[in-house]
Amino acid sequence: MPKASNSKPNSALMKPVQPDPALAAIVGSEPLSRPELTKKIWDYIKKHSLQDPAQKRMINADATLKPVFDGKSQVSMFEMTRLVNGHIQ
């Protein structure tokens, strides 16, 4: 059985995806791998203090995030992932 450290990254996760204009307002318009995309979204959430302090799993949308969150003012981390997937090509 091969060691985990020798395993190759999942090529589907590393394949660059293109953010649509709504998502590009947060992460930029350049193609990114999914891990890079996720990191940039979390950097944005932390920079703007959008994580709900009482319920850490909830993300509050500002004017820039609201279009990505389909107009919702608050979503869970898990729902956020699903909604972001709708904004990549």
C-alpha atoms as a PDB file:
ATOM      1  CA  MET A   1       0.000   0.000   0.000  1.00  0.00           C
ATOM      2  CA  PRO A   2       1.562   3.340  -1.029  1.00  0.00           C
ATOM      3  CA  LYS A   3       2.240   5.967   1.593  1.00  0.00           C
ATOM      4  CA  ALA A   4      -0.119   8.931   1.655  1.00  0.00           C
ATOM      5  CA  SER A   5       2.802  11.327   1.191  1.00  0.00           C
ATOM      6  CA  ASN A   6       3.499   9.787  -2.226  1.00  0.00           C
ATOM      7  CA  SER A   7      -0.072  10.223  -3.453  1.00  0.00           C
ATOM      8  CA  LYS A   8      -0.672  12.654  -6.292  1.00  0.00           C
ATOM      9  CA  PRO A   9      -3.076  15.574  -5.813  1.00  0.00           C
ATOM     10  CA  ASN A  10      -6.521  15.042  -7.266  1.00  0.00           C
ATOM     11  CA  SER A  11      -6.143  16.469 -10.768  1.00  0.00           C
ATOM     12  CA  ALA A  12      -9.832  17.429 -10.877  1.00  0.00           C
ATOM     13  CA  LEU A  13      -9.325  19.666  -7.826  1.00  0.00           C
ATOM     14  CA  MET A  14      -6.161  21.194  -9.244  1.00  0.00           C
ATOM     15  CA  LYS A  15      -7.677  21.950 -12.671  1.00  0.00           C
ATOM     16  CA  PRO A  16      -8.148  25.725 -12.987  1.00  0.00           C
ATOM     17  CA  VAL A  17     -11.734  26.949 -12.991  1.00  0.00           C
ATOM     18  CA  GLN A  18     -12.923  30.299 -14.342  1.00  0.00           C
ATOM     19  CA  PRO A  19     -14.916  32.483 -11.898  1.00  0.00           C
ATOM     20  CA  ASP A  20     -17.936  34.288 -13.355  1.00  0.00           C
ATOM     21  CA  PRO A  21     -18.146  38.114 -12.978  1.00  0.00           C
ATOM     22  CA  ALA A  22     -19.939  37.957  -9.585  1.00  0.00           C
ATOM     23  CA  LEU A  23     -17.286  35.655  -8.090  1.00  0.00           C
ATOM     24  CA  ALA A  24     -14.456  37.489  -9.881  1.00  0.00           C
ATOM     25  CA  ALA A  25     -15.324  40.583  -7.815  1.00  0.00           C
ATOM     26  CA  ILE A  26     -14.049  38.613  -4.796  1.00  0.00           C
ATOM     27  CA  VAL A  27     -11.290  36.332  -6.113  1.00  0.00           C
ATOM     28  CA  GLY A  28     -10.168  38.079  -9.316  1.00  0.00           C
ATOM     29  CA  SER A  29     -10.822  37.132 -12.924  1.00  0.00           C
ATOM     30  CA  GLU A  30      -7.882  34.759 -13.428  1.00  0.00           C
ATOM     31  CA  PRO A  31      -8.536  30.984 -13.520  1.00  0.00           C
ATOM     32  CA  LEU A  32      -7.804  29.337 -10.135  1.00  0.00           C
ATOM     33  CA  SER A  33      -7.655  25.800  -8.784  1.00  0.00           C
ATOM     34  CA  ARG A  34     -10.458  24.963  -6.357  1.00  0.00           C
ATOM     35  CA  PRO A  35      -8.147  25.088  -3.302  1.00  0.00           C
ATOM     36  CA  GLU A  36      -6.881  28.542  -4.365  1.00  0.00           C
ATOM     37  CA  LEU A  37     -10.444  29.697  -4.965  1.00  0.00           C
ATOM     38  CA  THR A  38     -11.552  28.512  -1.527  1.00  0.00           C
ATOM     39  CA  LYS A  39      -8.560  30.184   0.131  1.00  0.00           C
ATOM     40  CA  LYS A  40      -9.281  33.522  -1.567  1.00  0.00           C
ATOM     41  CA  ILE A  41     -12.955  33.386  -0.550  1.00  0.00           C
ATOM     42  CA  TRP A  42     -11.977  32.691   3.073  1.00  0.00           C
ATOM     43  CA  ASP A  43      -9.368  35.475   2.970  1.00  0.00           C
ATOM     44  CA  TYR A  44     -12.131  37.841   1.839  1.00  0.00           C
ATOM     45  CA  ILE A  45     -14.542  36.616   4.552  1.00  0.00           C
ATOM     46  CA  LYS A  46     -11.899  37.054   7.271  1.00  0.00           C
ATOM     47  CA  LYS A  47     -10.678  40.441   5.973  1.00  0.00           C
ATOM     48  CA  HIS A  48     -14.238  41.806   6.070  1.00  0.00           C
ATOM     49  CA  SER A  49     -15.258  40.006   9.324  1.00  0.00           C
ATOM     50  CA  LEU A  50     -18.181  38.235   7.646  1.00  0.00           C
ATOM     51  CA  GLN A  51     -18.142  35.060   9.764  1.00  0.00           C
ATOM     52  CA  ASP A  52     -21.000  35.231  12.269  1.00  0.00           C
ATOM     53  CA  PRO A  53     -19.389  35.600  15.732  1.00  0.00           C
ATOM     54  CA  ALA A  54     -22.234  33.716  17.475  1.00  0.00           C
ATOM     55  CA  GLN A  55     -22.568  30.909  14.900  1.00  0.00           C
ATOM     56  CA  LYS A  56     -19.137  30.303  13.370  1.00  0.00           C
ATOM     57  CA  ARG A  57     -20.591  28.057  10.627  1.00  0.00           C
ATOM     58  CA  MET A  58     -22.624  30.943   9.222  1.00  0.00           C
ATOM     59  CA  ILE A  59     -21.278  33.496   6.751  1.00  0.00           C
ATOM     60  CA  ASN A  60     -22.902  36.925   6.479  1.00  0.00           C
ATOM     61  CA  ALA A  61     -23.024  38.383   2.977  1.00  0.00           C
ATOM     62  CA  ASP A  62     -21.922  41.914   2.194  1.00  0.00           C
ATOM     63  CA  ALA A  63     -22.928  43.675  -1.044  1.00  0.00           C
ATOM     64  CA  THR A  64     -20.138  41.898  -2.961  1.00  0.00           C
ATOM     65  CA  LEU A  65     -20.923  38.391  -1.665  1.00  0.00           C
ATOM     66  CA  LYS A  66     -24.716  38.637  -1.960  1.00  0.00           C
ATOM     67  CA  PRO A  67     -24.804  37.929  -5.742  1.00  0.00           C
ATOM     68  CA  VAL A  68     -22.619  34.837  -5.183  1.00  0.00           C
ATOM     69  CA  PHE A  69     -24.968  33.716  -2.380  1.00  0.00           C
ATOM     70  CA  ASP A  70     -27.987  34.029  -4.734  1.00  0.00           C
ATOM     71  CA  GLY A  71     -29.208  37.123  -2.879  1.00  0.00           C
ATOM     72  CA  LYS A  72     -29.196  35.495   0.571  1.00  0.00           C
ATOM     73  CA  SER A  73     -27.910  37.605   3.464  1.00  0.00           C
ATOM     74  CA  GLN A  74     -26.527  34.598   5.375  1.00  0.00           C
ATOM     75  CA  VAL A  75     -25.523  31.058   4.413  1.00  0.00           C
ATOM     76  CA  SER A  76     -23.791  28.143   6.126  1.00  0.00           C
ATOM     77  CA  MET A  77     -20.242  27.153   5.157  1.00  0.00           C
ATOM     78  CA  PHE A  78     -21.618  24.049   3.451  1.00  0.00           C
ATOM     79  CA  GLU A  79     -24.233  25.960   1.483  1.00  0.00           C
ATOM     80  CA  MET A  80     -21.563  28.506   0.512  1.00  0.00           C
ATOM     81  CA  THR A  81     -19.536  25.772  -1.214  1.00  0.00           C
ATOM     82  CA  ARG A  82     -22.567  24.687  -3.234  1.00  0.00           C
ATOM     83  CA  LEU A  83     -23.440  28.272  -4.185  1.00  0.00           C
ATOM     84  CA  VAL A  84     -19.854  29.110  -5.208  1.00  0.00           C
ATOM     85  CA  ASN A  85     -19.816  26.043  -7.498  1.00  0.00           C
ATOM     86  CA  GLY A  86     -22.641  27.696  -9.441  1.00  0.00           C
ATOM     87  CA  HIS A  87     -20.341  30.625 -10.233  1.00  0.00           C
ATOM     88  CA  ILE A  88     -17.445  28.775 -11.833  1.00  0.00           C
ATOM     89  CA  GLN A  89     -16.989  27.430 -15.337  1.00  0.00           C
END
